Protein backbone atom coordinates (compact mmCIF):
# COMPACT_ATOMS: atom_id res chain seq x y z
CA MET A 1 91.64 64.81 95.08
CA PRO A 2 90.81 66.64 91.81
CA ASP A 3 90.80 70.39 91.93
CA LYS A 4 87.45 72.13 91.99
CA GLN A 5 86.97 75.59 90.57
CA HIS A 6 84.21 77.79 91.94
CA VAL A 7 83.37 81.40 91.14
CA TYR A 8 82.14 83.68 93.90
CA LEU A 9 80.97 87.13 92.81
CA GLY A 10 83.23 87.01 89.79
CA VAL A 11 86.34 85.75 91.60
CA ALA A 12 87.58 82.20 91.04
CA ALA A 13 88.42 79.89 93.95
CA ILE A 14 90.36 76.63 93.58
CA VAL A 15 89.54 74.08 96.28
CA ALA A 16 91.54 70.85 95.97
CA SER A 17 92.74 69.85 99.44
CA GLN A 18 90.59 68.10 102.02
CA THR A 19 91.54 70.89 104.43
CA MET A 20 89.97 73.55 102.21
CA CYS A 21 86.99 71.32 101.41
CA ASP A 22 86.31 71.20 105.15
CA VAL A 23 86.64 74.99 105.36
CA MET A 24 84.21 75.50 102.50
CA ASP A 25 81.76 73.06 104.08
CA LEU A 26 81.78 75.28 107.18
CA VAL A 27 81.40 78.34 104.94
CA GLU A 28 78.22 76.93 103.37
CA ARG A 29 76.73 76.06 106.74
CA ALA A 30 77.58 79.46 108.25
CA ALA A 31 76.30 81.27 105.17
CA ARG A 32 72.77 79.97 105.63
CA THR A 33 72.53 81.40 109.13
CA SER A 34 72.31 85.04 110.17
CA ALA A 35 75.47 84.84 112.30
CA THR A 36 78.17 87.47 112.06
CA VAL A 37 81.28 85.73 110.73
CA LEU A 38 84.89 86.51 111.59
CA ILE A 39 87.39 85.19 109.05
CA THR A 40 90.95 84.82 110.32
CA GLY A 41 94.18 83.85 108.64
CA GLU A 42 97.51 85.09 107.38
CA THR A 43 97.81 87.71 104.66
CA GLY A 44 97.18 86.32 101.21
CA THR A 45 95.35 83.13 102.21
CA GLY A 46 92.10 84.07 100.47
CA LYS A 47 89.97 85.54 103.24
CA GLU A 48 88.13 87.81 100.83
CA ILE A 49 87.18 84.86 98.61
CA VAL A 50 85.78 83.09 101.68
CA ALA A 51 83.76 86.21 102.49
CA ARG A 52 82.43 86.30 98.92
CA ALA A 53 81.50 82.61 99.23
CA ILE A 54 79.52 83.35 102.40
CA HIS A 55 77.48 85.94 100.52
CA HIS A 56 77.14 83.59 97.52
CA TYR A 57 75.66 80.78 99.61
CA SER A 58 73.60 83.00 101.90
CA LEU A 59 69.92 83.88 101.74
CA ARG A 60 71.11 87.37 100.77
CA ALA A 61 72.72 86.18 97.53
CA GLY A 62 71.64 88.47 94.73
CA ARG A 63 71.38 91.38 97.15
CA PRO A 64 74.13 94.03 97.47
CA TRP A 65 77.70 92.99 98.23
CA VAL A 66 79.91 95.79 99.58
CA ASP A 67 83.52 95.42 100.69
CA PHE A 68 85.67 97.85 102.64
CA ASN A 69 89.26 97.70 103.83
CA CYS A 70 89.38 99.29 107.27
CA ALA A 71 93.05 100.20 106.80
CA ALA A 72 92.54 101.90 103.43
CA LEU A 73 91.56 105.35 104.73
CA PRO A 74 92.79 107.74 107.41
CA GLU A 75 91.02 107.26 110.72
CA HIS A 76 88.96 110.45 110.46
CA LEU A 77 87.41 109.32 107.16
CA VAL A 78 86.50 105.75 108.15
CA GLU A 79 83.38 106.72 110.11
CA SER A 80 82.09 108.82 107.22
CA GLU A 81 82.79 105.97 104.77
CA LEU A 82 80.95 103.40 106.88
CA PHE A 83 78.00 105.46 108.06
CA GLY A 84 77.84 108.31 105.56
CA HIS A 85 77.57 112.03 106.24
CA GLU A 86 75.17 114.90 105.77
CA LYS A 87 75.84 118.01 103.74
CA GLY A 88 77.94 120.45 105.75
CA ALA A 89 78.95 117.85 108.36
CA PHE A 90 82.57 118.90 107.92
CA SER A 91 84.77 120.87 105.56
CA GLY A 92 84.40 119.44 102.08
CA ALA A 93 81.08 117.69 102.76
CA ASP A 94 79.25 119.41 99.90
CA SER A 95 76.42 116.90 99.63
CA VAL A 96 74.79 113.99 101.41
CA LYS A 97 76.88 110.82 101.14
CA PRO A 98 75.30 107.43 101.89
CA GLY A 99 77.54 105.16 103.95
CA LEU A 100 78.55 101.61 103.14
CA PHE A 101 75.89 100.31 105.52
CA ASP A 102 73.33 102.18 103.37
CA LEU A 103 74.75 100.67 100.19
CA ALA A 104 74.79 97.17 101.70
CA ASN A 105 71.16 97.38 102.82
CA THR A 106 69.53 93.90 102.66
CA GLY A 107 72.89 92.47 101.57
CA THR A 108 76.35 91.83 102.99
CA LEU A 109 79.04 94.25 104.16
CA PHE A 110 82.55 92.80 104.25
CA LEU A 111 84.95 94.60 106.59
CA ASP A 112 88.51 93.55 105.83
CA GLU A 113 91.36 94.25 108.28
CA ILE A 114 88.80 94.88 111.02
CA GLY A 115 91.59 95.04 113.60
CA GLU A 116 92.63 98.43 112.19
CA LEU A 117 89.46 100.23 113.31
CA GLU A 118 90.01 102.91 115.89
CA LEU A 119 88.25 102.47 119.23
CA ARG A 120 85.76 105.29 118.67
CA VAL A 121 84.46 103.71 115.47
CA GLN A 122 84.43 100.30 117.16
CA VAL A 123 81.84 101.61 119.63
CA LYS A 124 79.51 102.78 116.88
CA LEU A 125 80.01 99.57 114.91
CA LEU A 126 79.08 97.48 117.95
CA ARG A 127 75.77 99.32 118.32
CA VAL A 128 74.99 98.85 114.62
CA LEU A 129 75.75 95.13 114.86
CA ASP A 130 73.25 94.97 117.70
CA GLY A 131 70.62 96.36 115.32
CA VAL A 132 70.54 99.91 116.69
CA PRO A 133 69.78 102.53 113.99
CA TYR A 134 72.66 104.95 113.47
CA TYR A 135 73.20 108.60 112.58
CA ARG A 136 75.19 109.69 109.59
CA VAL A 137 78.05 112.02 110.52
CA GLY A 138 76.38 115.38 111.15
CA GLY A 139 72.93 113.84 110.81
CA GLN A 140 69.83 114.09 112.97
CA LYS A 141 67.79 111.28 111.42
CA LYS A 142 68.41 107.67 112.42
CA ILE A 143 69.13 105.19 109.65
CA PRO A 144 67.81 101.62 110.12
CA VAL A 145 70.23 98.73 109.70
CA ASP A 146 69.70 95.62 107.57
CA ALA A 147 73.12 94.43 106.44
CA ARG A 148 74.92 91.25 107.39
CA VAL A 149 78.50 91.91 108.47
CA VAL A 150 81.37 89.58 107.62
CA ALA A 151 84.75 90.67 108.97
CA ALA A 152 88.30 89.50 108.38
CA THR A 153 91.66 90.01 110.03
CA ASN A 154 95.22 88.72 109.92
CA GLN A 155 95.73 89.89 113.50
CA ASN A 156 95.30 88.04 116.76
CA LEU A 157 92.26 89.96 117.99
CA GLU A 158 92.31 88.24 121.37
CA ALA A 159 95.81 89.64 121.92
CA ALA A 160 94.57 93.03 120.70
CA VAL A 161 91.79 92.85 123.29
CA GLN A 162 94.33 92.12 126.02
CA ALA A 163 96.39 95.09 124.82
CA ARG A 164 93.23 97.25 124.86
CA ARG A 165 93.55 98.02 121.16
CA PHE A 166 90.30 96.21 120.37
CA ARG A 167 87.07 96.14 122.35
CA ALA A 168 86.27 92.81 123.96
CA ASP A 169 82.52 93.23 123.42
CA LEU A 170 83.01 93.92 119.72
CA PHE A 171 85.31 90.91 119.36
CA HIS A 172 82.70 88.62 120.92
CA ARG A 173 79.96 90.14 118.73
CA LEU A 174 82.01 89.59 115.56
CA ASN A 175 83.11 86.13 116.66
CA GLN A 176 79.69 84.44 116.57
CA CYS A 177 81.21 82.16 113.96
CA GLN A 178 84.94 82.08 113.28
CA ILE A 179 86.36 80.60 110.09
CA ARG A 180 90.13 80.18 109.90
CA VAL A 181 91.63 80.08 106.44
CA PRO A 182 94.79 77.95 106.70
CA PRO A 183 98.05 79.04 105.04
CA LEU A 184 99.24 77.21 101.92
CA ARG A 185 101.88 75.31 103.88
CA GLU A 186 99.03 73.57 105.72
CA ARG A 187 97.19 72.60 102.52
CA ARG A 188 99.87 71.61 100.07
CA ASP A 189 97.39 69.75 97.85
CA ASP A 190 96.09 73.17 96.83
CA ILE A 191 99.44 74.58 95.70
CA LEU A 192 99.82 73.01 92.27
CA PRO A 193 96.13 73.30 91.22
CA ILE A 194 96.18 77.00 92.15
CA ALA A 195 99.51 77.55 90.38
CA GLU A 196 98.18 75.81 87.25
CA TYR A 197 95.05 77.98 87.36
CA PHE A 198 97.19 81.14 87.39
CA LEU A 199 99.38 79.69 84.65
CA ARG A 200 96.35 79.08 82.38
CA GLN A 201 95.29 82.68 82.92
CA HIS A 202 98.56 84.05 81.57
CA ALA A 203 99.89 81.34 79.26
CA GLU A 204 97.20 78.89 78.17
CA TYR A 205 99.54 76.30 76.67
CA ALA A 206 102.38 76.51 79.19
CA ARG A 207 103.08 73.84 81.78
CA PHE A 208 105.36 73.29 84.76
CA SER A 209 108.19 70.80 84.53
CA ALA A 210 108.21 67.97 87.06
CA LYS A 211 111.04 69.65 88.99
CA ALA A 212 109.28 73.01 88.95
CA SER A 213 106.10 71.37 90.24
CA ARG A 214 108.03 69.78 93.11
CA ALA A 215 109.68 73.12 93.87
CA LEU A 216 106.30 74.84 94.04
CA GLU A 217 104.86 72.16 96.31
CA SER A 218 107.85 72.14 98.68
CA HIS A 219 108.10 75.92 99.15
CA SER A 220 106.69 77.32 102.40
CA TRP A 221 104.89 80.28 100.74
CA PRO A 222 105.03 82.89 103.50
CA GLY A 223 103.02 85.18 101.22
CA ASN A 224 100.47 82.41 100.56
CA VAL A 225 98.25 82.55 97.47
CA ARG A 226 99.26 86.12 96.63
CA GLU A 227 102.92 85.16 96.57
CA LEU A 228 102.15 82.04 94.51
CA ARG A 229 100.20 84.07 91.94
CA ASN A 230 102.96 86.63 91.58
CA THR A 231 105.59 83.90 91.28
CA VAL A 232 103.66 82.26 88.44
CA ILE A 233 103.25 85.57 86.61
CA GLN A 234 106.96 86.27 86.94
CA ALA A 235 107.77 82.76 85.70
CA VAL A 236 105.63 83.29 82.60
CA VAL A 237 107.53 86.47 81.83
CA THR A 238 110.92 84.83 82.46
CA ALA A 239 110.41 81.51 80.64
CA ARG A 240 111.63 81.23 77.04
CA THR A 241 109.61 78.10 76.25
CA TYR A 242 106.18 76.73 77.12
CA GLU A 243 107.72 74.54 79.81
CA ILE A 244 108.25 76.45 83.06
CA GLY A 245 111.43 75.13 84.65
CA VAL A 246 112.95 75.56 88.08
CA ALA A 247 115.22 78.29 86.73
CA ASP A 248 112.12 80.30 85.82
CA LEU A 249 111.06 80.46 89.49
CA PRO A 250 113.63 82.95 90.87
CA PRO A 251 111.88 83.71 94.18
CA LEU A 252 111.99 80.01 95.05
CA GLN A 253 115.68 79.63 94.34
CA ALA A 254 115.19 76.13 92.93
CA GLY A 255 112.95 75.08 95.79
CA ALA A 256 115.33 76.23 98.52
CA PRO A 257 113.90 76.79 102.02
CA ALA A 258 112.16 80.10 102.47
CA GLN A 259 114.29 83.07 103.47
CA PRO A 260 113.59 85.16 106.57
CA ILE A 261 110.19 86.85 106.43
CA ALA A 262 111.53 90.40 106.09
CA ARG A 263 113.52 89.48 102.97
CA ASN A 264 110.61 87.56 101.48
CA ARG A 265 108.33 90.51 102.11
CA LEU A 266 110.60 92.79 100.07
CA GLU A 267 110.77 90.25 97.24
CA LEU A 268 107.00 89.78 97.33
CA ASP A 269 106.33 93.51 97.21
CA CYS A 270 108.56 93.84 94.14
CA VAL A 271 106.83 90.95 92.38
CA GLU A 272 103.42 92.34 93.34
CA LYS A 273 104.25 95.71 91.83
CA GLU A 274 105.34 94.05 88.60
CA ALA A 275 102.19 91.92 88.51
CA ILE A 276 99.91 94.94 88.99
CA LEU A 277 101.66 96.93 86.27
CA ALA A 278 101.60 93.94 83.90
CA ALA A 279 97.86 93.44 84.48
CA LEU A 280 97.14 97.11 83.83
CA GLN A 281 99.19 97.02 80.65
CA GLN A 282 97.45 93.84 79.52
CA THR A 283 94.00 95.40 80.06
CA GLY A 284 94.89 98.78 78.61
CA GLY A 285 94.71 100.45 82.00
CA HIS A 286 91.20 99.16 82.77
CA GLN A 287 91.26 98.83 86.56
CA GLN A 288 88.20 96.58 86.95
CA LYS A 289 89.47 94.14 84.31
CA ALA A 290 92.94 94.23 85.86
CA ALA A 291 91.48 93.51 89.31
CA THR A 292 89.55 90.53 87.91
CA LEU A 293 92.69 89.26 86.16
CA LEU A 294 94.65 89.48 89.41
CA GLY A 295 91.87 87.88 91.46
CA VAL A 296 91.33 90.87 93.77
CA SER A 297 88.59 93.44 94.25
CA ARG A 298 88.68 96.81 92.50
CA ARG A 299 89.00 98.47 95.91
CA THR A 300 92.05 96.34 96.77
CA LEU A 301 93.71 97.18 93.44
CA SER A 302 93.06 100.87 93.97
CA ARG A 303 94.63 100.69 97.42
CA LYS A 304 97.68 98.89 96.01
CA LEU A 305 98.04 101.53 93.31
CA LYS A 306 98.05 104.26 95.95
CA LEU A 307 100.71 102.39 97.93
CA TYR A 308 102.98 101.30 95.08
CA TYR A 309 102.23 103.63 92.19
CA ALA A 310 101.43 107.06 93.53
CA GLU A 311 102.82 108.58 90.35
CA THR A 312 101.99 105.83 87.86
CA GLU A 313 98.35 105.68 88.91
CA LYS A 314 97.66 108.94 87.05
CA ASP A 315 98.21 107.09 83.78
CA PHE A 316 95.59 104.48 84.61
CA MET A 317 92.59 106.43 85.78
CA HIS A 318 89.86 105.19 83.44
CA ALA A 319 87.83 102.31 84.81
């Protein structure tokens, strides 16, 4: 099946396998309803792209798109970020701050890593999903709600409900429509088209050798698309010719079986750091352009910079 490239809110998506074609068919059908959608899947499978596609195909396309990573801020700041706060609501609240629900009015609010929300915020979120107007932190005036919520998680929320870490009523409210994004190992027809897309981004005239292509397709990709992207970037840097060979794919070890997850995670983190720094250097420190180059949102890149480059980030502050 030939690969198909789509662009959703500025981010490219490669859909080549029948498995992903079926997923995207469900995405289109869900998008045209008003249902709250819960996107599940392993880290790095492309859940954010699926969320962007839902907005793209929805009746709210052209209206605001707002994304938020629920694990990106300390617990005490999440409520203020989502619902906003009034001046003087707490120390440092020097002015009124609209929340993300305000900013997403008439559009779509994407809540990534929804399983990280603390229980107190879960209660308020449930009421908002039910259409109940909310108060900003420290506010006395109710704010009406008109934002479609799409959520994503790499956790087993049903297990989290059993462990009383996630509210059952909120899970059922979010789970009106569930879309599972399968890992790369379950859609191997996508591996090479995605790898070639990343290769064209960084080395337009380069190509994979036949052996390198087989190595890419046979690898289990525990880090999924994110790991594949970083592997391709590293191969471009390593290769001395326009033909990417097996020896230029060091994380794959010539197509050897994947190592234990903990070891792969360390390798992936190292490659990810290098990829982020390379993208920032390539774009002259422009974070939005670097995020687009890497295929992630600006918010995700900023979070990665805080995690990996607490010191380096100071050199790349202009947007």
